[in-house]
Amino acid sequence: MTLTDFVRKYNGKKVDFDGAFGAQCVDLFRQYNKDVYGLPHTGVVEGAKDLFLGYDQLPVERRYYEVVNKDEIIPGDVVVWDGTTTNEYGHVAIVLGILDDNIIVFEQDGFAQDGAKISLRARANLLGALRRRKRA
């Protein structure tokens, strides 16, 4: 399945990969890993930010993804934002494109529980990205 196929399949749908806590942003990331790359379940994290901040402790992510500087992201990368005062868990989304200083992403909001959607996101608070390794 391609990234485009993935977006077409899940756009507007709630993705609850693990059956816990409803449709979270990390659920969409896990579904992306399974459907597009055929990867096993990725490491358990408390929040999306831990995919980046705790990368060294996540053996599946380390095997299949490399860390990418936030200024070098491309479509298909997985971008991770740090937590904030209103969302301590951070956020993860899949890059579809770049528009000026913003990122076009495919994401899911665990608080709103409104399903996966295409959004325009600012780079503010962005930690960086994970990019699928060429060979794992």
Protein backbone atom coordinates (compact mmCIF):
# COMPACT_ATOMS: atom_id res chain seq x y z
CA MET A 1 0.00 0.00 0.00
CA THR A 2 1.30 3.48 -0.81
CA LEU A 3 1.01 6.58 1.34
CA THR A 4 -1.68 7.88 -1.04
CA ASP A 5 -3.63 4.62 -0.71
CA PHE A 6 -3.32 4.85 3.08
CA VAL A 7 -4.74 8.38 3.15
CA ARG A 8 -7.60 7.39 0.85
CA LYS A 9 -8.46 4.36 2.98
CA TYR A 10 -8.45 6.09 6.37
CA ASN A 11 -9.35 9.73 5.67
CA GLY A 12 -12.37 10.59 7.83
CA LYS A 13 -12.22 7.29 9.73
CA LYS A 14 -11.31 6.66 13.35
CA VAL A 15 -8.25 4.42 13.60
CA ASP A 16 -7.92 2.61 16.94
CA PHE A 17 -5.03 0.25 16.27
CA ASP A 18 -4.64 -1.08 19.81
CA GLY A 19 -8.23 -0.85 21.04
CA ALA A 20 -7.21 1.35 23.98
CA PHE A 21 -8.06 5.02 24.68
CA GLY A 22 -9.95 5.49 21.41
CA ALA A 23 -8.53 6.85 18.17
CA GLN A 24 -5.16 8.39 19.10
CA CYS A 25 -2.46 9.93 16.90
CA VAL A 26 -0.10 7.06 17.80
CA ASP A 27 -2.74 4.59 16.57
CA LEU A 28 -2.60 6.17 13.12
CA PHE A 29 1.23 5.95 13.20
CA ARG A 30 1.04 2.25 14.09
CA GLN A 31 -1.52 1.56 11.36
CA TYR A 32 0.72 3.38 8.86
CA ASN A 33 3.64 1.16 9.89
CA LYS A 34 1.56 -1.98 9.39
CA ASP A 35 -0.23 -1.08 6.16
CA VAL A 36 2.43 0.83 4.24
CA TYR A 37 5.62 -0.85 5.50
CA GLY A 38 4.44 -4.21 6.85
CA LEU A 39 6.21 -3.53 10.14
CA PRO A 40 5.50 -5.20 13.48
CA HIS A 41 3.80 -3.32 16.31
CA THR A 42 6.06 -0.48 17.35
CA GLY A 43 7.13 0.15 20.93
CA VAL A 44 4.68 1.15 23.61
CA VAL A 45 4.96 4.82 24.54
CA GLU A 46 3.20 6.98 27.11
CA GLY A 47 2.82 9.81 24.62
CA ALA A 48 3.60 10.56 21.00
CA LYS A 49 6.56 12.74 21.98
CA ASP A 50 8.26 9.63 23.35
CA LEU A 51 8.61 8.24 19.83
CA PHE A 52 11.28 10.92 19.37
CA LEU A 53 12.49 11.70 22.89
CA GLY A 54 12.66 8.00 23.86
CA TYR A 55 13.87 6.77 20.48
CA ASP A 56 17.02 5.17 21.96
CA GLN A 57 14.85 2.92 24.16
CA LEU A 58 12.56 1.75 21.33
CA PRO A 59 14.18 -1.20 19.53
CA VAL A 60 11.56 -1.47 16.75
CA GLU A 61 11.78 2.23 15.92
CA ARG A 62 15.59 2.12 15.97
CA ARG A 63 15.62 -0.87 13.64
CA TYR A 64 13.19 0.53 11.07
CA TYR A 65 13.49 4.31 11.42
CA GLU A 66 16.26 6.87 11.53
CA VAL A 67 16.02 10.27 13.22
CA VAL A 68 15.76 13.20 10.81
CA ASN A 69 16.37 16.88 11.52
CA LYS A 70 13.15 18.88 11.52
CA ASP A 71 14.47 21.03 8.66
CA GLU A 72 14.99 18.01 6.37
CA ILE A 73 11.57 16.36 6.41
CA ILE A 74 9.98 14.95 3.26
CA PRO A 75 6.65 13.27 2.43
CA GLY A 76 6.35 9.91 4.14
CA ASP A 77 8.33 10.98 7.21
CA VAL A 78 6.69 10.79 10.60
CA VAL A 79 6.90 14.11 12.44
CA VAL A 80 6.77 14.37 16.22
CA TRP A 81 5.85 17.42 18.33
CA ASP A 82 6.78 17.89 21.97
CA GLY A 83 4.19 18.13 24.70
CA THR A 84 2.64 21.46 25.71
CA THR A 85 0.77 22.80 28.71
CA THR A 86 -2.52 21.74 27.09
CA ASN A 87 -1.24 18.42 25.68
CA GLU A 88 1.52 16.82 27.70
CA TYR A 89 1.70 13.80 25.37
CA GLY A 90 2.84 15.56 22.23
CA HIS A 91 1.67 14.63 18.74
CA VAL A 92 2.72 12.47 15.81
CA ALA A 93 1.60 12.79 12.18
CA ILE A 94 2.59 11.61 8.71
CA VAL A 95 4.06 14.17 6.31
CA LEU A 96 2.24 14.66 3.01
CA GLY A 97 4.02 17.84 1.91
CA ILE A 98 5.59 21.15 2.84
CA LEU A 99 3.90 24.51 2.32
CA ASP A 100 6.10 27.49 3.18
CA ASP A 101 6.93 27.11 6.89
CA ASN A 102 4.06 24.69 7.48
CA ILE A 103 3.71 20.95 7.09
CA ILE A 104 0.80 19.22 5.38
CA VAL A 105 0.12 16.11 7.45
CA PHE A 106 -2.21 13.18 7.80
CA GLU A 107 -3.11 13.02 11.47
CA GLN A 108 -5.58 12.00 14.10
CA ASP A 109 -6.55 13.98 17.21
CA GLY A 110 -6.90 11.79 20.29
CA PHE A 111 -8.68 14.54 22.22
CA ALA A 112 -11.28 15.39 19.55
CA GLN A 113 -11.77 11.73 18.51
CA ASP A 114 -12.93 12.95 15.09
CA GLY A 115 -10.94 10.56 12.90
CA ALA A 116 -7.99 10.85 10.57
CA LYS A 117 -7.70 13.94 8.40
CA ILE A 118 -5.37 16.05 6.29
CA SER A 119 -4.24 19.18 8.14
CA LEU A 120 -1.83 22.07 7.91
CA ARG A 121 0.49 22.24 10.92
CA ALA A 122 3.02 24.82 12.05
CA ARG A 123 6.56 23.75 12.89
CA ALA A 124 6.36 25.35 16.36
CA ASN A 125 7.28 22.82 19.05
CA LEU A 126 8.33 20.27 16.41
CA LEU A 127 11.00 17.92 17.79
CA GLY A 128 11.98 16.27 14.52
CA ALA A 129 11.03 13.31 12.40
CA LEU A 130 11.49 9.61 11.88
CA ARG A 131 12.23 8.33 8.39
CA ARG A 132 11.90 4.72 7.28
CA ARG A 133 15.35 3.24 6.80
CA LYS A 134 16.14 1.98 3.31
CA ARG A 135 17.10 -1.39 4.78
CA ALA A 136 16.34 -2.73 8.22
